[in-house]
Amino acid sequence: MAKADSAVIIDTNCAPSLNRLAREQMKLKLMQDIRTDLIVCEIEGWSKMEYLNELKELIDGFFEQTERSE
């Protein structure tokens, strides 16, 4: 029984660290994808700023939805 209890304590203590790690990995993946898209924009002659502004509008939309739901 003590073994199961200690496993729960380890899981509870590790959860925030694992969550932070997962978020950092996701941010890294997003940045890699954005960099790749910017290279494609450059190759194709598309506006990088237009693309980045579209991403910013998308992110800002999350904040607007959050503010409305509060």
N, C-alpha and C. Protein backbone atom coordinates (compact mmCIF):
# COMPACT_ATOMS: atom_id res chain seq x y z
N MET A 1 0.82 -1.19 0.00
CA MET A 1 0.00 0.00 0.00
C MET A 1 0.86 1.25 0.00
N ALA A 2 1.95 1.25 0.76
CA ALA A 2 2.83 2.42 0.79
C ALA A 2 3.42 2.70 -0.57
N LYS A 3 3.67 1.66 -1.34
CA LYS A 3 4.23 1.83 -2.66
C LYS A 3 3.26 2.60 -3.56
N ALA A 4 2.00 2.26 -3.53
CA ALA A 4 0.99 2.96 -4.33
C ALA A 4 0.87 4.42 -3.89
N ASP A 5 0.91 4.67 -2.59
CA ASP A 5 0.82 6.04 -2.10
C ASP A 5 2.00 6.87 -2.58
N SER A 6 3.20 6.32 -2.54
CA SER A 6 4.37 7.07 -2.97
C SER A 6 4.32 7.32 -4.47
N ALA A 7 3.73 6.39 -5.24
CA ALA A 7 3.58 6.60 -6.67
C ALA A 7 2.66 7.78 -6.95
N VAL A 8 1.61 7.91 -6.16
CA VAL A 8 0.68 9.02 -6.33
C VAL A 8 1.40 10.33 -6.00
N ILE A 9 2.18 10.35 -4.97
CA ILE A 9 2.93 11.55 -4.59
C ILE A 9 3.90 11.94 -5.70
N ILE A 10 4.59 10.98 -6.26
CA ILE A 10 5.53 11.27 -7.35
C ILE A 10 4.77 11.83 -8.54
N ASP A 11 3.64 11.21 -8.90
CA ASP A 11 2.85 11.70 -10.02
C ASP A 11 2.35 13.11 -9.78
N THR A 12 1.87 13.38 -8.59
CA THR A 12 1.35 14.70 -8.26
C THR A 12 2.46 15.75 -8.32
N ASN A 13 3.63 15.42 -7.85
CA ASN A 13 4.74 16.36 -7.87
C ASN A 13 5.32 16.55 -9.26
N CYS A 14 5.25 15.55 -10.10
CA CYS A 14 5.82 15.62 -11.44
C CYS A 14 4.89 16.27 -12.46
N ALA A 15 3.62 16.24 -12.20
CA ALA A 15 2.65 16.73 -13.18
C ALA A 15 2.94 18.16 -13.64
N PRO A 16 3.18 19.12 -12.74
CA PRO A 16 3.47 20.48 -13.22
C PRO A 16 4.74 20.55 -14.08
N SER A 17 5.75 19.80 -13.71
CA SER A 17 6.99 19.80 -14.49
C SER A 17 6.78 19.18 -15.86
N LEU A 18 6.02 18.10 -15.92
CA LEU A 18 5.74 17.47 -17.20
C LEU A 18 4.89 18.38 -18.08
N ASN A 19 3.96 19.09 -17.46
CA ASN A 19 3.13 20.02 -18.21
C ASN A 19 3.98 21.15 -18.79
N ARG A 20 4.88 21.70 -17.99
CA ARG A 20 5.78 22.76 -18.49
C ARG A 20 6.63 22.25 -19.64
N LEU A 21 7.16 21.05 -19.50
CA LEU A 21 7.99 20.46 -20.55
C LEU A 21 7.17 20.28 -21.83
N ALA A 22 5.97 19.78 -21.70
CA ALA A 22 5.10 19.58 -22.87
C ALA A 22 4.80 20.91 -23.55
N ARG A 23 4.55 21.94 -22.77
CA ARG A 23 4.27 23.26 -23.35
C ARG A 23 5.50 23.82 -24.07
N GLU A 24 6.66 23.67 -23.47
CA GLU A 24 7.89 24.15 -24.11
C GLU A 24 8.16 23.40 -25.41
N GLN A 25 7.91 22.10 -25.41
CA GLN A 25 8.08 21.31 -26.63
C GLN A 25 7.10 21.75 -27.71
N MET A 26 5.86 22.06 -27.31
CA MET A 26 4.86 22.53 -28.27
C MET A 26 5.26 23.89 -28.84
N LYS A 27 5.77 24.78 -27.99
CA LYS A 27 6.21 26.09 -28.48
C LYS A 27 7.36 25.93 -29.47
N LEU A 28 8.28 25.03 -29.18
CA LEU A 28 9.39 24.78 -30.08
C LEU A 28 8.89 24.27 -31.42
N LYS A 29 7.95 23.34 -31.40
CA LYS A 29 7.37 22.79 -32.63
C LYS A 29 6.67 23.89 -33.43
N LEU A 30 5.91 24.74 -32.74
CA LEU A 30 5.23 25.84 -33.42
C LEU A 30 6.23 26.79 -34.08
N MET A 31 7.29 27.12 -33.35
CA MET A 31 8.31 28.01 -33.91
C MET A 31 8.99 27.38 -35.12
N GLN A 32 9.26 26.10 -35.07
CA GLN A 32 9.86 25.42 -36.22
C GLN A 32 8.92 25.47 -37.43
N ASP A 33 7.64 25.23 -37.19
CA ASP A 33 6.66 25.28 -38.28
C ASP A 33 6.55 26.68 -38.86
N ILE A 34 6.54 27.69 -38.00
CA ILE A 34 6.45 29.07 -38.46
C ILE A 34 7.69 29.43 -39.27
N ARG A 35 8.86 29.04 -38.80
CA ARG A 35 10.09 29.31 -39.56
C ARG A 35 10.04 28.66 -40.94
N THR A 36 9.55 27.43 -40.99
CA THR A 36 9.42 26.74 -42.28
C THR A 36 8.46 27.50 -43.19
N ASP A 37 7.32 27.93 -42.64
CA ASP A 37 6.35 28.69 -43.42
C ASP A 37 6.94 30.01 -43.92
N LEU A 38 7.77 30.65 -43.10
CA LEU A 38 8.39 31.90 -43.53
C LEU A 38 9.37 31.66 -44.68
N ILE A 39 10.06 30.54 -44.67
CA ILE A 39 10.96 30.20 -45.77
C ILE A 39 10.14 29.99 -47.05
N VAL A 40 9.00 29.31 -46.92
CA VAL A 40 8.12 29.11 -48.07
C VAL A 40 7.63 30.46 -48.59
N CYS A 41 7.25 31.34 -47.69
CA CYS A 41 6.82 32.69 -48.11
C CYS A 41 7.93 33.38 -48.91
N GLU A 42 9.15 33.27 -48.43
CA GLU A 42 10.29 33.91 -49.10
C GLU A 42 10.50 33.30 -50.49
N ILE A 43 10.46 31.99 -50.57
CA ILE A 43 10.67 31.30 -51.85
C ILE A 43 9.58 31.65 -52.86
N GLU A 44 8.34 31.69 -52.38
CA GLU A 44 7.19 31.94 -53.26
C GLU A 44 6.93 33.42 -53.51
N GLY A 45 7.63 34.28 -52.77
CA GLY A 45 7.44 35.71 -52.94
C GLY A 45 6.20 36.25 -52.24
N TRP A 46 5.73 35.51 -51.26
CA TRP A 46 4.56 35.93 -50.50
C TRP A 46 4.98 36.83 -49.35
N SER A 47 4.06 37.61 -48.87
CA SER A 47 4.34 38.54 -47.78
C SER A 47 4.48 37.80 -46.44
N LYS A 48 5.65 37.92 -45.85
CA LYS A 48 5.87 37.31 -44.53
C LYS A 48 5.05 38.04 -43.47
N MET A 49 4.98 39.37 -43.60
CA MET A 49 4.25 40.15 -42.61
C MET A 49 2.76 39.83 -42.64
N GLU A 50 2.21 39.62 -43.82
CA GLU A 50 0.80 39.25 -43.92
C GLU A 50 0.56 37.92 -43.19
N TYR A 51 1.45 36.98 -43.41
CA TYR A 51 1.34 35.68 -42.74
C TYR A 51 1.44 35.83 -41.23
N LEU A 52 2.43 36.58 -40.76
CA LEU A 52 2.61 36.77 -39.32
C LEU A 52 1.43 37.52 -38.71
N ASN A 53 0.90 38.50 -39.44
CA ASN A 53 -0.27 39.22 -38.93
C ASN A 53 -1.49 38.31 -38.83
N GLU A 54 -1.63 37.38 -39.79
CA GLU A 54 -2.73 36.42 -39.71
C GLU A 54 -2.59 35.55 -38.46
N LEU A 55 -1.37 35.11 -38.17
CA LEU A 55 -1.14 34.32 -36.95
C LEU A 55 -1.45 35.14 -35.71
N LYS A 56 -1.03 36.41 -35.71
CA LYS A 56 -1.29 37.27 -34.56
C LYS A 56 -2.78 37.46 -34.35
N GLU A 57 -3.52 37.66 -35.44
CA GLU A 57 -4.97 37.81 -35.33
C GLU A 57 -5.61 36.54 -34.75
N LEU A 58 -5.11 35.41 -35.18
CA LEU A 58 -5.61 34.13 -34.66
C LEU A 58 -5.38 34.03 -33.15
N ILE A 59 -4.17 34.38 -32.73
CA ILE A 59 -3.83 34.32 -31.30
C ILE A 59 -4.64 35.35 -30.52
N ASP A 60 -4.75 36.55 -31.07
CA ASP A 60 -5.55 37.59 -30.39
C ASP A 60 -7.01 37.15 -30.25
N GLY A 61 -7.49 36.36 -31.20
CA GLY A 61 -8.86 35.85 -31.13
C GLY A 61 -9.08 34.97 -29.91
N PHE A 62 -8.06 34.24 -29.50
CA PHE A 62 -8.17 33.43 -28.28
C PHE A 62 -8.38 34.32 -27.07
N PHE A 63 -7.66 35.44 -27.00
CA PHE A 63 -7.81 36.35 -25.87
C PHE A 63 -9.21 36.96 -25.85
N GLU A 64 -9.73 37.31 -27.02
CA GLU A 64 -11.07 37.88 -27.10
C GLU A 64 -12.12 36.89 -26.63
N GLN A 65 -11.98 35.63 -27.03
CA GLN A 65 -12.93 34.61 -26.60
C GLN A 65 -12.86 34.41 -25.09
N THR A 66 -11.65 34.43 -24.54
CA THR A 66 -11.46 34.25 -23.11
C THR A 66 -12.11 35.41 -22.33
N GLU A 67 -11.91 36.63 -22.82
CA GLU A 67 -12.47 37.80 -22.14
C GLU A 67 -14.00 37.76 -22.17
N ARG A 68 -14.58 37.31 -23.28
CA ARG A 68 -16.04 37.22 -23.38
C ARG A 68 -16.63 36.18 -22.45
N SER A 69 -15.90 35.10 -22.24
CA SER A 69 -16.43 34.01 -21.42
C SER A 69 -16.27 34.27 -19.93
N GLU A 70 -15.49 35.27 -19.55
CA GLU A 70 -15.28 35.54 -18.13
C GLU A 70 -16.37 36.37 -17.54
